[in-house]
Amino acid sequence: MRFALFYMGEYVAIVLSSAMITTLFFGGWQIPYFPTEKIVAQADSWLKVMLAVGGVGALLFALVMFKWSARIRGRFGDRREYEGPLMGILHLGIGVVMLFLFSRTLGMGPLPDWAARTVALVAQISSFAAKTLFWCWVFIWVRWSLPRFRYDQLMRLGWKNMIPLSFLNIAVTAVVLLLLDRR
């Protein structure tokens, strides 16, 4: 159990770090070039796109689950054999429902204000989740790709390379600001 808690703590740190990077440096929940007012004004189009993309994505994931379950069938002889088909059926149902809802929105007019704001909220939460998942993937990709450094190598990198570079950065920034006459 301690081993599991150690790795769960590691993954929690990855998710929280990715969420902080998304919030502080990559706009958080904001969708680039689409302020909230613009999303609310075009909510009917956003709803159609989200339902179509979600439905097709769920159907593709169902197909992957069915193919994956066919590959491992009979290897374990336990309940894991049913995991793939059950996930495939679940996502197949989700995809069909989303595409049905998409077909119902095709002839629909503009949404009421509360529905338009809800569509904007869902789009912005999805944007935040996608950015966070991207940075989680980057964390894991870097950890799997690069060799691990020893502690003494990290300390040498920090003290002998990064600190002098940060002092140089401060000096260059001060000179540039002095030359531009900004204070």
C-alpha atoms as a PDB file:
ATOM      1  CA  MET A   1       0.000   0.000   0.000  1.00  0.00           C
ATOM      2  CA  ARG A   2       2.888   2.376   0.687  1.00  0.00           C
ATOM      3  CA  PHE A   3       4.239   1.688  -2.779  1.00  0.00           C
ATOM      4  CA  ALA A   4       0.846   2.480  -4.331  1.00  0.00           C
ATOM      5  CA  LEU A   5       0.500   5.671  -2.301  1.00  0.00           C
ATOM      6  CA  PHE A   6       3.976   6.766  -3.391  1.00  0.00           C
ATOM      7  CA  TYR A   7       3.082   6.454  -7.064  1.00  0.00           C
ATOM      8  CA  MET A   8      -0.360   7.996  -6.572  1.00  0.00           C
ATOM      9  CA  GLY A   9       1.356  10.963  -4.920  1.00  0.00           C
ATOM     10  CA  GLU A  10       3.692  11.186  -7.897  1.00  0.00           C
ATOM     11  CA  TYR A  11       0.779  11.292 -10.348  1.00  0.00           C
ATOM     12  CA  VAL A  12      -1.104  13.821  -8.206  1.00  0.00           C
ATOM     13  CA  ALA A  13       2.017  16.011  -8.320  1.00  0.00           C
ATOM     14  CA  ILE A  14       2.125  15.677 -12.120  1.00  0.00           C
ATOM     15  CA  VAL A  15      -1.542  16.678 -12.486  1.00  0.00           C
ATOM     16  CA  LEU A  16      -1.258  19.600 -10.055  1.00  0.00           C
ATOM     17  CA  SER A  17       1.948  20.836 -11.681  1.00  0.00           C
ATOM     18  CA  SER A  18       0.319  20.598 -15.107  1.00  0.00           C
ATOM     19  CA  ALA A  19      -2.724  22.514 -13.860  1.00  0.00           C
ATOM     20  CA  MET A  20      -0.471  25.217 -12.391  1.00  0.00           C
ATOM     21  CA  ILE A  21       1.502  25.495 -15.654  1.00  0.00           C
ATOM     22  CA  THR A  22      -1.774  25.752 -17.575  1.00  0.00           C
ATOM     23  CA  THR A  23      -3.151  28.390 -15.215  1.00  0.00           C
ATOM     24  CA  LEU A  24      -0.049  30.539 -14.877  1.00  0.00           C
ATOM     25  CA  PHE A  25       1.477  30.389 -18.350  1.00  0.00           C
ATOM     26  CA  PHE A  26      -1.057  29.115 -20.896  1.00  0.00           C
ATOM     27  CA  GLY A  27      -4.254  31.036 -20.280  1.00  0.00           C
ATOM     28  CA  GLY A  28      -6.021  28.653 -17.916  1.00  0.00           C
ATOM     29  CA  TRP A  29      -9.578  28.058 -19.065  1.00  0.00           C
ATOM     30  CA  GLN A  30      -9.495  30.686 -21.832  1.00  0.00           C
ATOM     31  CA  ILE A  31      -9.685  29.420 -25.395  1.00  0.00           C
ATOM     32  CA  PRO A  32      -7.158  31.243 -27.597  1.00  0.00           C
ATOM     33  CA  TYR A  33      -8.720  33.952 -29.795  1.00  0.00           C
ATOM     34  CA  PHE A  34     -12.214  33.270 -28.364  1.00  0.00           C
ATOM     35  CA  PRO A  35     -13.213  35.454 -25.430  1.00  0.00           C
ATOM     36  CA  THR A  36     -16.160  34.292 -23.346  1.00  0.00           C
ATOM     37  CA  GLU A  37     -18.540  36.807 -24.924  1.00  0.00           C
ATOM     38  CA  LYS A  38     -17.752  35.497 -28.407  1.00  0.00           C
ATOM     39  CA  ILE A  39     -18.375  31.893 -27.303  1.00  0.00           C
ATOM     40  CA  VAL A  40     -21.696  32.891 -25.711  1.00  0.00           C
ATOM     41  CA  ALA A  41     -22.726  34.747 -28.879  1.00  0.00           C
ATOM     42  CA  GLN A  42     -21.955  31.698 -31.065  1.00  0.00           C
ATOM     43  CA  ALA A  43     -23.054  29.039 -28.549  1.00  0.00           C
ATOM     44  CA  ASP A  44     -25.279  27.141 -30.991  1.00  0.00           C
ATOM     45  CA  SER A  45     -22.326  26.527 -33.329  1.00  0.00           C
ATOM     46  CA  TRP A  46     -20.060  25.609 -30.414  1.00  0.00           C
ATOM     47  CA  LEU A  47     -22.644  23.115 -29.125  1.00  0.00           C
ATOM     48  CA  LYS A  48     -22.894  21.436 -32.522  1.00  0.00           C
ATOM     49  CA  VAL A  49     -19.111  21.157 -32.844  1.00  0.00           C
ATOM     50  CA  MET A  50     -18.682  19.823 -29.295  1.00  0.00           C
ATOM     51  CA  LEU A  51     -21.405  17.200 -29.750  1.00  0.00           C
ATOM     52  CA  ALA A  52     -20.076  16.079 -33.148  1.00  0.00           C
ATOM     53  CA  VAL A  53     -16.448  15.866 -32.011  1.00  0.00           C
ATOM     54  CA  GLY A  54     -17.415  14.168 -28.744  1.00  0.00           C
ATOM     55  CA  GLY A  55     -19.640  11.651 -30.485  1.00  0.00           C
ATOM     56  CA  VAL A  56     -17.080  10.731 -33.139  1.00  0.00           C
ATOM     57  CA  GLY A  57     -14.342  10.582 -30.496  1.00  0.00           C
ATOM     58  CA  ALA A  58     -16.423   8.264 -28.300  1.00  0.00           C
ATOM     59  CA  LEU A  59     -17.160   6.000 -31.276  1.00  0.00           C
ATOM     60  CA  LEU A  60     -13.469   5.837 -32.199  1.00  0.00           C
ATOM     61  CA  PHE A  61     -12.564   5.057 -28.590  1.00  0.00           C
ATOM     62  CA  ALA A  62     -15.218   2.284 -28.593  1.00  0.00           C
ATOM     63  CA  LEU A  63     -13.633   0.840 -31.734  1.00  0.00           C
ATOM     64  CA  VAL A  64     -10.201   0.902 -30.069  1.00  0.00           C
ATOM     65  CA  MET A  65     -11.601  -0.807 -26.975  1.00  0.00           C
ATOM     66  CA  PHE A  66     -13.226  -3.569 -29.047  1.00  0.00           C
ATOM     67  CA  LYS A  67      -9.989  -4.142 -30.988  1.00  0.00           C
ATOM     68  CA  TRP A  68      -7.935  -4.112 -27.763  1.00  0.00           C
ATOM     69  CA  SER A  69     -10.257  -6.570 -26.042  1.00  0.00           C
ATOM     70  CA  ALA A  70     -10.036  -8.944 -29.014  1.00  0.00           C
ATOM     71  CA  ARG A  71      -6.236  -8.933 -28.679  1.00  0.00           C
ATOM     72  CA  ILE A  72      -6.131  -9.934 -25.018  1.00  0.00           C
ATOM     73  CA  ARG A  73      -9.143 -12.277 -24.881  1.00  0.00           C
ATOM     74  CA  GLY A  74      -8.256 -15.557 -23.189  1.00  0.00           C
ATOM     75  CA  ARG A  75      -4.903 -14.472 -21.737  1.00  0.00           C
ATOM     76  CA  PHE A  76      -5.949 -13.859 -18.159  1.00  0.00           C
ATOM     77  CA  GLY A  77      -8.989 -16.033 -17.483  1.00  0.00           C
ATOM     78  CA  ASP A  78     -10.536 -13.506 -15.105  1.00  0.00           C
ATOM     79  CA  ARG A  79     -12.752 -10.434 -15.153  1.00  0.00           C
ATOM     80  CA  ARG A  80     -10.201  -8.361 -17.061  1.00  0.00           C
ATOM     81  CA  GLU A  81     -11.364 -10.064 -20.241  1.00  0.00           C
ATOM     82  CA  TYR A  82     -14.659  -8.187 -19.990  1.00  0.00           C
ATOM     83  CA  GLU A  83     -13.107  -4.782 -19.332  1.00  0.00           C
ATOM     84  CA  GLY A  84     -12.519  -3.910 -22.996  1.00  0.00           C
ATOM     85  CA  PRO A  85     -15.955  -4.906 -24.296  1.00  0.00           C
ATOM     86  CA  LEU A  86     -17.719  -3.155 -21.400  1.00  0.00           C
ATOM     87  CA  MET A  87     -15.766   0.056 -21.972  1.00  0.00           C
ATOM     88  CA  GLY A  88     -16.454  -0.279 -25.699  1.00  0.00           C
ATOM     89  CA  ILE A  89     -20.198  -0.692 -25.124  1.00  0.00           C
ATOM     90  CA  LEU A  90     -20.222   2.249 -22.708  1.00  0.00           C
ATOM     91  CA  HIS A  91     -18.430   4.538 -25.159  1.00  0.00           C
ATOM     92  CA  LEU A  92     -20.511   3.264 -28.045  1.00  0.00           C
ATOM     93  CA  GLY A  93     -23.610   4.323 -26.114  1.00  0.00           C
ATOM     94  CA  ILE A  94     -22.087   7.702 -25.261  1.00  0.00           C
ATOM     95  CA  GLY A  95     -21.134   8.276 -28.899  1.00  0.00           C
ATOM     96  CA  VAL A  96     -24.580   7.336 -30.180  1.00  0.00           C
ATOM     97  CA  VAL A  97     -26.298   9.621 -27.643  1.00  0.00           C
ATOM     98  CA  MET A  98     -23.982  12.532 -28.489  1.00  0.00           C
ATOM     99  CA  LEU A  99     -24.505  12.091 -32.233  1.00  0.00           C
ATOM    100  CA  PHE A 100     -28.276  11.844 -31.673  1.00  0.00           C
ATOM    101  CA  LEU A 101     -28.164  15.106 -29.707  1.00  0.00           C
ATOM    102  CA  PHE A 102     -26.062  16.602 -32.509  1.00  0.00           C
ATOM    103  CA  SER A 103     -28.725  15.643 -35.049  1.00  0.00           C
ATOM    104  CA  ARG A 104     -31.414  17.239 -32.853  1.00  0.00           C
ATOM    105  CA  THR A 105     -29.494  20.550 -32.716  1.00  0.00           C
ATOM    106  CA  LEU A 106     -29.156  20.908 -36.500  1.00  0.00           C
ATOM    107  CA  GLY A 107     -32.507  22.650 -37.001  1.00  0.00           C
ATOM    108  CA  MET A 108     -32.418  24.507 -33.721  1.00  0.00           C
ATOM    109  CA  GLY A 109     -32.281  28.285 -33.471  1.00  0.00           C
ATOM    110  CA  PRO A 110     -30.269  30.389 -31.048  1.00  0.00           C
ATOM    111  CA  LEU A 111     -29.926  29.122 -27.491  1.00  0.00           C
ATOM    112  CA  PRO A 112     -31.342  30.920 -24.457  1.00  0.00           C
ATOM    113  CA  ASP A 113     -28.859  32.919 -22.399  1.00  0.00           C
ATOM    114  CA  TRP A 114     -28.465  30.336 -19.626  1.00  0.00           C
ATOM    115  CA  ALA A 115     -27.820  27.551 -22.153  1.00  0.00           C
ATOM    116  CA  ALA A 116     -25.323  29.681 -24.081  1.00  0.00           C
ATOM    117  CA  ARG A 117     -23.421  30.425 -20.875  1.00  0.00           C
ATOM    118  CA  THR A 118     -23.477  26.715 -19.980  1.00  0.00           C
ATOM    119  CA  VAL A 119     -22.026  25.846 -23.404  1.00  0.00           C
ATOM    120  CA  ALA A 120     -19.283  28.449 -22.848  1.00  0.00           C
ATOM    121  CA  LEU A 121     -18.578  26.991 -19.391  1.00  0.00           C
ATOM    122  CA  VAL A 122     -18.294  23.443 -20.745  1.00  0.00           C
ATOM    123  CA  ALA A 123     -16.048  24.631 -23.605  1.00  0.00           C
ATOM    124  CA  GLN A 124     -13.741  26.478 -21.214  1.00  0.00           C
ATOM    125  CA  ILE A 125     -13.566  23.571 -18.747  1.00  0.00           C
ATOM    126  CA  SER A 126     -12.755  21.277 -21.685  1.00  0.00           C
ATOM    127  CA  SER A 127     -10.042  23.685 -22.795  1.00  0.00           C
ATOM    128  CA  PHE A 128      -8.487  23.684 -19.325  1.00  0.00           C
ATOM    129  CA  ALA A 129      -8.666  19.879 -19.149  1.00  0.00           C
ATOM    130  CA  ALA A 130      -7.083  19.489 -22.604  1.00  0.00           C
ATOM    131  CA  LYS A 131      -4.230  21.860 -21.756  1.00  0.00           C
ATOM    132  CA  THR A 132      -3.654  20.107 -18.425  1.00  0.00           C
ATOM    133  CA  LEU A 133      -3.659  16.671 -20.089  1.00  0.00           C
ATOM    134  CA  PHE A 134      -1.180  17.937 -22.673  1.00  0.00           C
ATOM    135  CA  TRP A 135       1.231  19.014 -19.939  1.00  0.00           C
ATOM    136  CA  CYS A 136       0.726  15.702 -18.098  1.00  0.00           C
ATOM    137  CA  TRP A 137       1.713  13.975 -21.327  1.00  0.00           C
ATOM    138  CA  VAL A 138       4.790  16.227 -21.617  1.00  0.00           C
ATOM    139  CA  PHE A 139       5.841  15.387 -18.045  1.00  0.00           C
ATOM    140  CA  ILE A 140       5.517  11.651 -18.637  1.00  0.00           C
ATOM    141  CA  TRP A 141       7.121  11.839 -22.077  1.00  0.00           C
ATOM    142  CA  VAL A 142      10.175  13.664 -20.710  1.00  0.00           C
ATOM    143  CA  ARG A 143      10.504  11.258 -17.784  1.00  0.00           C
ATOM    144  CA  TRP A 144      10.388   8.255 -20.086  1.00  0.00           C
ATOM    145  CA  SER A 145      12.711   9.760 -22.704  1.00  0.00           C
ATOM    146  CA  LEU A 146      15.551  11.299 -20.740  1.00  0.00           C
ATOM    147  CA  PRO A 147      17.909   9.422 -18.459  1.00  0.00           C
ATOM    148  CA  ARG A 148      17.671  10.082 -14.758  1.00  0.00           C
ATOM    149  CA  PHE A 149      20.210  12.440 -13.280  1.00  0.00           C
ATOM    150  CA  ARG A 150      21.980  11.746 -10.040  1.00  0.00           C
ATOM    151  CA  TYR A 151      21.478  14.196  -7.205  1.00  0.00           C
ATOM    152  CA  ASP A 152      25.046  15.494  -7.402  1.00  0.00           C
ATOM    153  CA  GLN A 153      24.612  16.151 -11.140  1.00  0.00           C
ATOM    154  CA  LEU A 154      21.428  18.138 -10.501  1.00  0.00           C
ATOM    155  CA  MET A 155      23.121  20.174  -7.755  1.00  0.00           C
ATOM    156  CA  ARG A 156      26.098  20.919 -10.017  1.00  0.00           C
ATOM    157  CA  LEU A 157      23.731  21.945 -12.822  1.00  0.00           C
ATOM    158  CA  GLY A 158      21.820  24.268 -10.502  1.00  0.00           C
ATOM    159  CA  TRP A 159      24.714  25.890  -8.647  1.00  0.00           C
ATOM    160  CA  LYS A 160      27.347  26.066 -11.372  1.00  0.00           C
ATOM    161  CA  ASN A 161      25.208  26.653 -14.460  1.00  0.00           C
ATOM    162  CA  MET A 162      21.716  27.933 -13.691  1.00  0.00           C
ATOM    163  CA  ILE A 163      22.537  30.486 -10.973  1.00  0.00           C
ATOM    164  CA  PRO A 164      25.233  32.240 -13.057  1.00  0.00           C
ATOM    165  CA  LEU A 165      22.834  32.207 -16.041  1.00  0.00           C
ATOM    166  CA  SER A 166      20.092  33.779 -13.911  1.00  0.00           C
ATOM    167  CA  PHE A 167      22.479  36.525 -12.733  1.00  0.00           C
ATOM    168  CA  LEU A 168      23.488  37.122 -16.350  1.00  0.00           C
ATOM    169  CA  ASN A 169      19.787  37.309 -17.290  1.00  0.00           C
ATOM    170  CA  ILE A 170      19.183  39.936 -14.590  1.00  0.00           C
ATOM    171  CA  ALA A 171      22.182  41.987 -15.759  1.00  0.00           C
ATOM    172  CA  VAL A 172      21.215  41.835 -19.445  1.00  0.00           C
ATOM    173  CA  THR A 173      17.615  42.781 -18.609  1.00  0.00           C
ATOM    174  CA  ALA A 174      18.822  45.740 -16.517  1.00  0.00           C
ATOM    175  CA  VAL A 175      21.086  46.964 -19.325  1.00  0.00           C
ATOM    176  CA  VAL A 176      18.325  46.645 -21.921  1.00  0.00           C
ATOM    177  CA  LEU A 177      15.852  48.528 -19.698  1.00  0.00           C
ATOM    178  CA  LEU A 178      18.475  51.201 -19.027  1.00  0.00           C
ATOM    179  CA  LEU A 179      19.123  51.603 -22.740  1.00  0.00           C
ATOM    180  CA  LEU A 180      15.395  51.820 -23.450  1.00  0.00           C
ATOM    181  CA  ASP A 181      15.057  54.324 -20.590  1.00  0.00           C
ATOM    182  CA  ARG A 182      12.269  52.450 -18.830  1.00  0.00           C
ATOM    183  CA  ARG A 183      11.837  52.426 -15.117  1.00  0.00           C
END
